Amino acid sequence: MLPTSHTKPTMEQWTVYTILQESFYLIIEQVPPYHLENEIVRQCSMLGKVLEHSQLHDHANASDLYNVFLIKLDTIASARKVKRKLDDTVFYGGQIRVYYAPERESVQDTRRKLNERQMAVHHHLNRRPTSRGSSLQNLSSETTENHDRMPTSLIGPQVYPSSQYAVPMEMKKRRRRI
């Protein structure tokens, strides 16, 4: 039997959130009761702009031993950063938990969140380098210009006449002499 890896990620590390499960609002639980609201806001503002913050006295996990805070950030990206950086970290002797709170969003917040995501996807798709088909066209135009150095066919294995194209540098390093 093969030994198992001790660095295998747990299920919590593979949690996937949809855009509707993410939120501008974050609930930060299990904060020690040492009047740390300003410190929590300072930690969050280092990762994104904090629009609102308050302590939730009526939350189910609020008690004499732990405080619960609600933080509203300006963008979903900054909320993701705050959740990723602060979740399960030790904060003044207590391990804090950070959750999204989409139930606190208004209809306008949800609409803004969906528009922000649509713009991010559109930007990501337009930012990519040229598609594969156009890069093949660019490569084929290079072959017509420099047909003495480059092969005319782009299909199948290619043999380059020049030594600089013959063997990549990584392959040269791995060769052994017998």
N, C-alpha and C. Protein backbone atom coordinates (compact mmCIF):
# COMPACT_ATOMS: atom_id res chain seq x y z
N MET A 1 0.84 -1.18 0.00
CA MET A 1 0.00 0.00 0.00
C MET A 1 0.89 1.24 0.00
N LEU A 2 0.53 2.21 -0.81
CA LEU A 2 1.31 3.43 -0.92
C LEU A 2 1.07 4.33 0.28
N PRO A 3 2.10 5.02 0.75
CA PRO A 3 1.90 5.94 1.87
C PRO A 3 1.08 7.15 1.42
N THR A 4 0.26 7.67 2.32
CA THR A 4 -0.54 8.84 1.99
C THR A 4 0.24 10.10 2.29
N SER A 5 -0.08 11.13 1.58
CA SER A 5 0.60 12.41 1.76
C SER A 5 -0.02 13.15 2.93
N HIS A 6 0.80 13.75 3.76
CA HIS A 6 0.29 14.52 4.89
C HIS A 6 -0.09 15.93 4.47
N THR A 7 0.22 16.31 3.26
CA THR A 7 -0.10 17.65 2.79
C THR A 7 -1.33 17.66 1.89
N LYS A 8 -2.10 16.59 1.90
CA LYS A 8 -3.29 16.53 1.06
C LYS A 8 -4.31 17.54 1.57
N PRO A 9 -4.88 18.37 0.68
CA PRO A 9 -5.82 19.38 1.13
C PRO A 9 -7.11 18.77 1.64
N THR A 10 -7.71 19.42 2.62
CA THR A 10 -8.98 18.96 3.18
C THR A 10 -10.11 19.50 2.32
N MET A 11 -11.32 19.05 2.62
CA MET A 11 -12.48 19.50 1.87
C MET A 11 -12.72 20.99 2.05
N GLU A 12 -12.40 21.55 3.22
CA GLU A 12 -12.60 22.97 3.45
C GLU A 12 -11.73 23.81 2.52
N GLN A 13 -10.59 23.30 2.13
CA GLN A 13 -9.72 24.05 1.24
C GLN A 13 -10.21 24.01 -0.20
N TRP A 14 -11.16 23.17 -0.51
CA TRP A 14 -11.68 23.05 -1.86
C TRP A 14 -13.10 23.56 -1.97
N THR A 15 -13.55 24.38 -1.04
CA THR A 15 -14.90 24.91 -1.10
C THR A 15 -15.02 25.88 -2.27
N VAL A 16 -16.07 25.70 -3.06
CA VAL A 16 -16.31 26.54 -4.21
C VAL A 16 -17.57 27.36 -3.94
N TYR A 17 -17.48 28.67 -4.16
CA TYR A 17 -18.61 29.55 -3.95
C TYR A 17 -19.10 30.06 -5.30
N THR A 18 -20.43 30.11 -5.46
CA THR A 18 -20.99 30.74 -6.64
C THR A 18 -21.04 32.24 -6.38
N ILE A 19 -21.34 32.99 -7.41
CA ILE A 19 -21.38 34.44 -7.26
C ILE A 19 -22.50 34.86 -6.32
N LEU A 20 -23.57 34.10 -6.25
CA LEU A 20 -24.65 34.45 -5.34
C LEU A 20 -24.36 34.06 -3.90
N GLN A 21 -23.43 33.15 -3.67
CA GLN A 21 -23.05 32.80 -2.30
C GLN A 21 -22.01 33.76 -1.75
N GLU A 22 -21.26 34.41 -2.63
CA GLU A 22 -20.30 35.41 -2.17
C GLU A 22 -21.06 36.69 -1.85
N SER A 23 -20.41 37.56 -1.09
CA SER A 23 -21.11 38.75 -0.66
C SER A 23 -20.13 39.87 -0.35
N PHE A 24 -20.63 41.11 -0.40
CA PHE A 24 -19.87 42.26 0.07
C PHE A 24 -19.78 42.24 1.59
N TYR A 25 -20.75 41.57 2.22
CA TYR A 25 -20.83 41.52 3.68
C TYR A 25 -20.10 40.29 4.20
N LEU A 26 -19.31 40.48 5.24
CA LEU A 26 -18.62 39.38 5.91
C LEU A 26 -19.00 39.39 7.38
N ILE A 27 -19.25 38.20 7.91
CA ILE A 27 -19.47 38.04 9.35
C ILE A 27 -18.20 37.44 9.92
N ILE A 28 -17.65 38.12 10.91
CA ILE A 28 -16.43 37.66 11.56
C ILE A 28 -16.80 37.22 12.97
N GLU A 29 -16.64 35.93 13.22
CA GLU A 29 -17.05 35.32 14.50
C GLU A 29 -15.84 34.95 15.34
N GLN A 30 -16.12 34.66 16.59
CA GLN A 30 -15.15 34.17 17.58
C GLN A 30 -14.02 35.17 17.82
N VAL A 31 -14.36 36.45 17.80
CA VAL A 31 -13.39 37.49 18.13
C VAL A 31 -13.39 37.65 19.65
N PRO A 32 -12.23 37.62 20.28
CA PRO A 32 -12.18 37.79 21.74
C PRO A 32 -12.78 39.14 22.16
N PRO A 33 -13.43 39.18 23.33
CA PRO A 33 -14.15 40.40 23.75
C PRO A 33 -13.25 41.46 24.38
N TYR A 34 -12.26 41.92 23.66
CA TYR A 34 -11.32 42.92 24.18
C TYR A 34 -11.50 44.26 23.49
N HIS A 35 -12.69 44.60 23.03
CA HIS A 35 -12.98 45.84 22.31
C HIS A 35 -12.07 45.96 21.08
N LEU A 36 -12.14 44.97 20.21
CA LEU A 36 -11.24 44.87 19.06
C LEU A 36 -11.89 45.27 17.74
N GLU A 37 -13.00 45.99 17.78
CA GLU A 37 -13.67 46.35 16.54
C GLU A 37 -12.77 47.20 15.64
N ASN A 38 -12.07 48.17 16.21
CA ASN A 38 -11.18 49.02 15.39
C ASN A 38 -10.03 48.20 14.81
N GLU A 39 -9.54 47.22 15.55
CA GLU A 39 -8.45 46.38 15.05
C GLU A 39 -8.93 45.49 13.90
N ILE A 40 -10.14 44.95 14.02
CA ILE A 40 -10.72 44.14 12.93
C ILE A 40 -10.90 45.01 11.69
N VAL A 41 -11.42 46.21 11.87
CA VAL A 41 -11.63 47.11 10.73
C VAL A 41 -10.28 47.48 10.11
N ARG A 42 -9.26 47.69 10.92
CA ARG A 42 -7.94 48.02 10.39
C ARG A 42 -7.38 46.86 9.57
N GLN A 43 -7.54 45.62 10.07
CA GLN A 43 -7.06 44.45 9.33
C GLN A 43 -7.79 44.31 7.99
N CYS A 44 -9.10 44.54 8.00
CA CYS A 44 -9.88 44.44 6.76
C CYS A 44 -9.56 45.57 5.80
N SER A 45 -9.32 46.77 6.32
CA SER A 45 -9.05 47.91 5.44
C SER A 45 -7.68 47.81 4.78
N MET A 46 -6.79 47.00 5.32
CA MET A 46 -5.51 46.78 4.64
C MET A 46 -5.70 45.96 3.37
N LEU A 47 -6.78 45.19 3.28
CA LEU A 47 -7.03 44.33 2.13
C LEU A 47 -8.11 44.87 1.19
N GLY A 48 -8.88 45.85 1.64
CA GLY A 48 -9.93 46.43 0.82
C GLY A 48 -10.60 47.57 1.57
N LYS A 49 -11.38 48.35 0.87
CA LYS A 49 -12.05 49.50 1.47
C LYS A 49 -13.27 49.04 2.26
N VAL A 50 -13.32 49.39 3.54
CA VAL A 50 -14.45 49.03 4.40
C VAL A 50 -15.48 50.15 4.33
N LEU A 51 -16.71 49.81 3.92
CA LEU A 51 -17.77 50.80 3.82
C LEU A 51 -18.56 50.93 5.12
N GLU A 52 -18.87 49.80 5.75
CA GLU A 52 -19.64 49.79 7.00
C GLU A 52 -19.08 48.72 7.91
N HIS A 53 -19.27 48.91 9.20
CA HIS A 53 -18.91 47.88 10.17
C HIS A 53 -19.75 48.07 11.42
N SER A 54 -20.09 46.96 12.04
CA SER A 54 -20.86 47.01 13.28
C SER A 54 -20.69 45.70 14.03
N GLN A 55 -20.98 45.76 15.32
CA GLN A 55 -20.95 44.55 16.14
C GLN A 55 -22.36 43.99 16.20
N LEU A 56 -22.48 42.68 16.02
CA LEU A 56 -23.79 42.02 16.04
C LEU A 56 -24.02 41.42 17.43
N HIS A 57 -24.85 42.09 18.22
CA HIS A 57 -25.14 41.59 19.56
C HIS A 57 -26.19 40.48 19.54
N ASP A 58 -27.06 40.49 18.51
CA ASP A 58 -28.16 39.52 18.45
C ASP A 58 -27.82 38.28 17.62
N HIS A 59 -26.58 38.11 17.20
CA HIS A 59 -26.17 36.96 16.40
C HIS A 59 -26.18 35.70 17.26
N ALA A 60 -26.41 34.55 16.63
CA ALA A 60 -26.50 33.27 17.36
C ALA A 60 -25.19 32.91 18.06
N ASN A 61 -24.06 33.28 17.49
CA ASN A 61 -22.76 32.92 18.08
C ASN A 61 -22.17 34.02 18.96
N ALA A 62 -22.91 35.10 19.17
CA ALA A 62 -22.42 36.16 20.06
C ALA A 62 -22.66 35.72 21.51
N SER A 63 -21.63 35.90 22.33
CA SER A 63 -21.74 35.51 23.74
C SER A 63 -20.84 36.42 24.56
N ASP A 64 -20.72 36.10 25.85
CA ASP A 64 -19.82 36.87 26.71
C ASP A 64 -18.36 36.57 26.37
N LEU A 65 -18.10 35.41 25.78
CA LEU A 65 -16.73 35.02 25.47
C LEU A 65 -16.27 35.43 24.08
N TYR A 66 -17.22 35.63 23.16
CA TYR A 66 -16.86 35.96 21.78
C TYR A 66 -17.76 37.07 21.25
N ASN A 67 -17.18 37.94 20.44
CA ASN A 67 -17.93 38.97 19.73
C ASN A 67 -18.08 38.57 18.27
N VAL A 68 -19.11 39.12 17.63
CA VAL A 68 -19.36 38.88 16.21
C VAL A 68 -19.49 40.24 15.54
N PHE A 69 -18.79 40.40 14.41
CA PHE A 69 -18.80 41.67 13.69
C PHE A 69 -19.30 41.48 12.27
N LEU A 70 -19.96 42.52 11.76
CA LEU A 70 -20.41 42.56 10.37
C LEU A 70 -19.60 43.64 9.66
N ILE A 71 -18.96 43.27 8.56
CA ILE A 71 -18.13 44.18 7.78
C ILE A 71 -18.68 44.22 6.36
N LYS A 72 -18.86 45.43 5.81
CA LYS A 72 -19.24 45.57 4.40
C LYS A 72 -18.06 46.17 3.65
N LEU A 73 -17.63 45.47 2.59
CA LEU A 73 -16.50 45.92 1.77
C LEU A 73 -17.01 46.48 0.44
N ASP A 74 -16.15 47.19 -0.26
CA ASP A 74 -16.58 47.87 -1.49
C ASP A 74 -16.70 46.95 -2.69
N THR A 75 -15.86 45.92 -2.80
CA THR A 75 -15.93 45.02 -3.95
C THR A 75 -15.91 43.56 -3.49
N ILE A 76 -16.36 42.69 -4.36
CA ILE A 76 -16.33 41.26 -4.08
C ILE A 76 -14.89 40.78 -4.02
N ALA A 77 -14.02 41.33 -4.86
CA ALA A 77 -12.62 40.90 -4.85
C ALA A 77 -11.97 41.20 -3.50
N SER A 78 -12.25 42.35 -2.93
CA SER A 78 -11.68 42.66 -1.62
C SER A 78 -12.30 41.79 -0.54
N ALA A 79 -13.58 41.43 -0.67
CA ALA A 79 -14.21 40.52 0.29
C ALA A 79 -13.57 39.14 0.21
N ARG A 80 -13.24 38.69 -1.01
CA ARG A 80 -12.54 37.41 -1.16
C ARG A 80 -11.18 37.44 -0.49
N LYS A 81 -10.45 38.54 -0.68
CA LYS A 81 -9.13 38.67 -0.06
C LYS A 81 -9.22 38.62 1.46
N VAL A 82 -10.17 39.37 2.00
CA VAL A 82 -10.32 39.41 3.46
C VAL A 82 -10.68 38.04 3.98
N LYS A 83 -11.61 37.36 3.32
CA LYS A 83 -12.01 36.02 3.78
C LYS A 83 -10.84 35.05 3.70
N ARG A 84 -10.10 35.09 2.61
CA ARG A 84 -8.97 34.18 2.44
C ARG A 84 -7.87 34.45 3.47
N LYS A 85 -7.59 35.72 3.74
CA LYS A 85 -6.48 36.05 4.64
C LYS A 85 -6.85 35.90 6.12
N LEU A 86 -8.08 36.23 6.50
CA LEU A 86 -8.43 36.25 7.92
C LEU A 86 -9.11 34.99 8.43
N ASP A 87 -9.67 34.18 7.54
CA ASP A 87 -10.39 32.99 7.99
C ASP A 87 -9.43 32.00 8.65
N ASP A 88 -9.80 31.53 9.82
CA ASP A 88 -9.03 30.56 10.61
C ASP A 88 -7.66 31.09 11.04
N THR A 89 -7.53 32.39 11.22
CA THR A 89 -6.29 32.94 11.74
C THR A 89 -6.42 33.21 13.23
N VAL A 90 -5.32 33.20 13.91
CA VAL A 90 -5.31 33.50 15.35
C VAL A 90 -5.28 35.02 15.50
N PHE A 91 -6.24 35.53 16.25
CA PHE A 91 -6.40 36.96 16.42
C PHE A 91 -6.57 37.25 17.90
N TYR A 92 -5.55 37.81 18.53
CA TYR A 92 -5.54 38.12 19.96
C TYR A 92 -5.93 36.91 20.80
N GLY A 93 -5.37 35.78 20.49
CA GLY A 93 -5.58 34.58 21.28
C GLY A 93 -6.78 33.74 20.89
N GLY A 94 -7.57 34.18 19.93
CA GLY A 94 -8.73 33.41 19.48
C GLY A 94 -8.65 33.16 17.99
N GLN A 95 -9.17 32.02 17.57
CA GLN A 95 -9.16 31.68 16.15
C GLN A 95 -10.46 32.19 15.54
N ILE A 96 -10.36 33.21 14.68
CA ILE A 96 -11.57 33.82 14.14
C ILE A 96 -12.04 33.07 12.91
N ARG A 97 -13.35 33.14 12.68
CA ARG A 97 -13.99 32.54 11.52
C ARG A 97 -14.64 33.65 10.71
N VAL A 98 -14.50 33.57 9.38
CA VAL A 98 -15.06 34.59 8.49
C VAL A 98 -16.03 33.90 7.54
N TYR A 99 -17.24 34.44 7.45
CA TYR A 99 -18.28 33.89 6.58
C TYR A 99 -18.83 34.99 5.68
N TYR A 100 -19.27 34.60 4.48
CA TYR A 100 -20.02 35.51 3.64
C TYR A 100 -21.42 35.64 4.22
N ALA A 101 -22.04 36.81 4.02
CA ALA A 101 -23.40 37.04 4.51
C ALA A 101 -24.27 37.59 3.38
N PRO A 102 -24.62 36.76 2.38
CA PRO A 102 -25.42 37.28 1.27
C PRO A 102 -26.85 37.64 1.68
N GLU A 103 -27.32 37.13 2.81
CA GLU A 103 -28.67 37.45 3.26
C GLU A 103 -28.78 38.91 3.70
N ARG A 104 -27.68 39.59 3.91
CA ARG A 104 -27.68 41.00 4.31
C ARG A 104 -27.73 41.94 3.11
N GLU A 105 -27.58 41.42 1.91
CA GLU A 105 -27.53 42.26 0.71
C GLU A 105 -28.91 42.70 0.28
N SER A 106 -28.97 43.89 -0.28
CA SER A 106 -30.20 44.37 -0.88
C SER A 106 -30.24 43.92 -2.34
N VAL A 107 -31.33 44.22 -3.01
CA VAL A 107 -31.46 43.87 -4.43
C VAL A 107 -30.43 44.64 -5.25
N GLN A 108 -30.19 45.90 -4.89
CA GLN A 108 -29.21 46.70 -5.61
C GLN A 108 -27.80 46.14 -5.41
N ASP A 109 -27.50 45.66 -4.20
CA ASP A 109 -26.19 45.05 -3.96
C ASP A 109 -26.00 43.81 -4.81
N THR A 110 -27.04 42.99 -4.90
CA THR A 110 -26.96 41.77 -5.71
C THR A 110 -26.79 42.11 -7.19
N ARG A 111 -27.52 43.11 -7.65
CA ARG A 111 -27.40 43.53 -9.05
C ARG A 111 -25.99 44.06 -9.32
N ARG A 112 -25.46 44.87 -8.40
CA ARG A 112 -24.11 45.41 -8.56
C ARG A 112 -23.07 44.28 -8.56
N LYS A 113 -23.29 43.28 -7.71
CA LYS A 113 -22.38 42.14 -7.63
C LYS A 113 -22.37 41.36 -8.94
N LEU A 114 -23.55 41.11 -9.51
CA LEU A 114 -23.63 40.38 -10.77
C LEU A 114 -23.02 41.19 -11.92
N ASN A 115 -23.25 42.50 -11.93
CA ASN A 115 -22.63 43.35 -12.96
C ASN A 115 -21.12 43.37 -12.83
N GLU A 116 -20.63 43.43 -11.59
CA GLU A 116 -19.19 43.42 -11.36
C GLU A 116 -18.57 42.12 -11.84
N ARG A 117 -19.24 41.01 -11.59
CA ARG A 117 -18.73 39.72 -12.04
C ARG A 117 -18.74 39.63 -13.56
N GLN A 118 -19.81 40.11 -14.18
CA GLN A 118 -19.89 40.08 -15.64
C GLN A 118 -18.78 40.92 -16.26
N MET A 119 -18.50 42.08 -15.69
CA MET A 119 -17.42 42.92 -16.20
C MET A 119 -16.06 42.26 -15.99
N ALA A 120 -15.87 41.57 -14.86
CA ALA A 120 -14.60 40.89 -14.60
C ALA A 120 -14.38 39.76 -15.59
N VAL A 121 -15.42 39.00 -15.88
CA VAL A 121 -15.30 37.90 -16.86
C VAL A 121 -15.03 38.47 -18.25
N HIS A 122 -15.73 39.54 -18.60
CA HIS A 122 -15.52 40.17 -19.91
C HIS A 122 -14.09 40.69 -20.02
N HIS A 123 -13.59 41.32 -18.98
CA HIS A 123 -12.21 41.83 -18.99
C HIS A 123 -11.21 40.68 -19.10
N HIS A 124 -11.48 39.60 -18.38
CA HIS A 124 -10.57 38.45 -18.41
C HIS A 124 -10.53 37.82 -19.80
N LEU A 125 -11.67 37.72 -20.45
CA LEU A 125 -11.71 37.12 -21.78
C LEU A 125 -11.06 38.02 -22.83
N ASN A 126 -11.20 39.31 -22.69
CA ASN A 126 -10.59 40.24 -23.66
C ASN A 126 -9.11 40.45 -23.40
N ARG A 127 -8.64 40.15 -22.21
CA ARG A 127 -7.25 40.36 -21.85
C ARG A 127 -6.37 39.24 -22.38
N ARG A 128 -6.91 38.08 -22.60
CA ARG A 128 -6.13 36.94 -23.04
C ARG A 128 -5.40 37.24 -24.34
N PRO A 129 -4.25 36.59 -24.55
CA PRO A 129 -3.57 36.76 -25.84
C PRO A 129 -4.44 36.20 -26.96
N THR A 130 -3.99 36.39 -28.15
CA THR A 130 -4.79 35.97 -29.30
C THR A 130 -5.16 34.50 -29.19
N SER A 131 -6.27 34.17 -29.79
CA SER A 131 -6.75 32.79 -29.72
C SER A 131 -5.81 31.87 -30.48
N ARG A 132 -6.02 30.58 -30.32
CA ARG A 132 -5.11 29.61 -30.92
C ARG A 132 -5.13 29.68 -32.44
N GLY A 133 -6.31 29.90 -32.99
CA GLY A 133 -6.41 29.96 -34.44
C GLY A 133 -5.62 31.13 -35.01
N SER A 134 -5.73 32.29 -34.37
CA SER A 134 -5.00 33.44 -34.89
C SER A 134 -3.50 33.30 -34.66
N SER A 135 -3.09 32.61 -33.58
CA SER A 135 -1.66 32.42 -33.38
C SER A 135 -1.11 31.46 -34.43
N LEU A 136 -1.91 30.49 -34.86
CA LEU A 136 -1.47 29.62 -35.95
C LEU A 136 -1.37 30.39 -37.25
N GLN A 137 -2.28 31.35 -37.45
CA GLN A 137 -2.20 32.17 -38.65
C GLN A 137 -0.94 33.03 -38.61
N ASN A 138 -0.63 33.58 -37.42
CA ASN A 138 0.59 34.37 -37.30
C ASN A 138 1.81 33.51 -37.55
N LEU A 139 1.79 32.28 -37.06
CA LEU A 139 2.91 31.38 -37.25
C LEU A 139 3.05 31.01 -38.72
N SER A 140 1.90 30.79 -39.39
CA SER A 140 1.98 30.44 -40.80
C SER A 140 2.46 31.63 -41.63
N SER A 141 2.15 32.86 -41.22
CA SER A 141 2.67 34.01 -41.95
C SER A 141 4.18 34.12 -41.76
N GLU A 142 4.68 33.73 -40.57
CA GLU A 142 6.12 33.71 -40.36
C GLU A 142 6.78 32.66 -41.24
N THR A 143 6.10 31.53 -41.44
CA THR A 143 6.70 30.48 -42.26
C THR A 143 6.81 30.91 -43.71
N THR A 144 5.86 31.70 -44.18
CA THR A 144 5.97 32.15 -45.56
C THR A 144 7.07 33.18 -45.71
N GLU A 145 7.29 33.99 -44.66
CA GLU A 145 8.35 34.99 -44.74
C GLU A 145 9.73 34.35 -44.62
N ASN A 146 9.87 33.38 -43.73
CA ASN A 146 11.17 32.77 -43.45
C ASN A 146 11.11 31.28 -43.74
N HIS A 147 10.74 30.92 -44.96
CA HIS A 147 10.55 29.50 -45.24
C HIS A 147 11.87 28.74 -45.28
N ASP A 148 13.00 29.42 -45.40
CA ASP A 148 14.27 28.71 -45.39
C ASP A 148 14.64 28.26 -43.97
N ARG A 149 14.16 28.96 -42.96
CA ARG A 149 14.47 28.58 -41.57
C ARG A 149 13.38 27.73 -40.94
N MET A 150 12.14 27.97 -41.30
CA MET A 150 11.01 27.31 -40.66
C MET A 150 10.37 26.31 -41.62
N PRO A 151 9.74 25.26 -41.10
CA PRO A 151 9.07 24.30 -41.98
C PRO A 151 7.80 24.91 -42.57
N THR A 152 7.34 24.35 -43.68
CA THR A 152 6.14 24.88 -44.32
C THR A 152 4.89 24.27 -43.73
N SER A 153 4.95 23.10 -43.16
CA SER A 153 3.77 22.46 -42.60
C SER A 153 3.75 22.66 -41.08
N LEU A 154 2.58 22.97 -40.56
CA LEU A 154 2.43 23.14 -39.12
C LEU A 154 1.85 21.90 -38.46
N ILE A 155 1.56 20.89 -39.24
CA ILE A 155 0.96 19.68 -38.71
C ILE A 155 2.03 18.61 -38.59
N GLY A 156 2.05 17.91 -37.46
CA GLY A 156 3.00 16.83 -37.26
C GLY A 156 4.30 17.33 -36.66
N PRO A 157 5.28 16.42 -36.51
CA PRO A 157 6.56 16.83 -35.93
C PRO A 157 7.30 17.77 -36.88
N GLN A 158 8.01 18.72 -36.29
CA GLN A 158 8.70 19.70 -37.09
C GLN A 158 10.20 19.58 -36.87
N VAL A 159 10.95 19.61 -37.95
CA VAL A 159 12.40 19.55 -37.89
C VAL A 159 12.92 20.91 -38.35
N TYR A 160 13.69 21.52 -37.51
CA TYR A 160 14.24 22.83 -37.81
C TYR A 160 15.69 22.68 -38.26
N PRO A 161 16.11 23.37 -39.31
CA PRO A 161 17.47 23.22 -39.81
C PRO A 161 18.52 23.87 -38.90
N SER A 162 18.16 24.88 -38.19
CA SER A 162 19.13 25.59 -37.36
C SER A 162 19.28 24.88 -36.01
N SER A 163 20.48 24.94 -35.45
CA SER A 163 20.71 24.26 -34.17
C SER A 163 19.99 24.94 -33.02
N GLN A 164 19.67 26.22 -33.15
CA GLN A 164 18.96 26.89 -32.06
C GLN A 164 17.53 26.41 -31.94
N TYR A 165 16.97 25.85 -33.02
CA TYR A 165 15.62 25.32 -32.96
C TYR A 165 15.60 23.82 -32.76
N ALA A 166 16.72 23.17 -32.91
CA ALA A 166 16.74 21.71 -32.92
C ALA A 166 16.37 21.11 -31.57
N VAL A 167 17.06 21.48 -30.52
CA VAL A 167 16.82 20.88 -29.21
C VAL A 167 16.67 22.01 -28.20
N PRO A 168 15.56 22.03 -27.46
CA PRO A 168 15.41 23.05 -26.43
C PRO A 168 16.49 22.91 -25.36
N MET A 169 16.74 23.98 -24.64
CA MET A 169 17.81 24.00 -23.66
C MET A 169 17.57 22.99 -22.54
N GLU A 170 16.30 22.79 -22.14
CA GLU A 170 16.02 21.83 -21.07
C GLU A 170 16.41 20.42 -21.48
N MET A 171 16.17 20.10 -22.75
CA MET A 171 16.51 18.76 -23.24
C MET A 171 18.03 18.57 -23.26
N LYS A 172 18.78 19.62 -23.59
CA LYS A 172 20.23 19.52 -23.62
C LYS A 172 20.78 19.25 -22.23
N LYS A 173 20.18 19.83 -21.22
CA LYS A 173 20.67 19.65 -19.87
C LYS A 173 20.41 18.24 -19.36
N ARG A 174 19.33 17.62 -19.82
CA ARG A 174 18.97 16.31 -19.31
C ARG A 174 19.69 15.16 -20.01
N ARG A 175 20.34 15.42 -21.12
CA ARG A 175 21.02 14.34 -21.84
C ARG A 175 22.22 13.85 -21.04
N ARG A 176 22.43 12.55 -21.09
CA ARG A 176 23.58 11.95 -20.41
C ARG A 176 24.50 11.33 -21.45
N ARG A 177 25.77 11.37 -21.16
CA ARG A 177 26.73 10.72 -22.04
C ARG A 177 26.94 9.30 -21.57
N ILE A 178 27.06 8.41 -22.53
CA ILE A 178 27.27 7.00 -22.20
C ILE A 178 28.66 6.58 -22.58
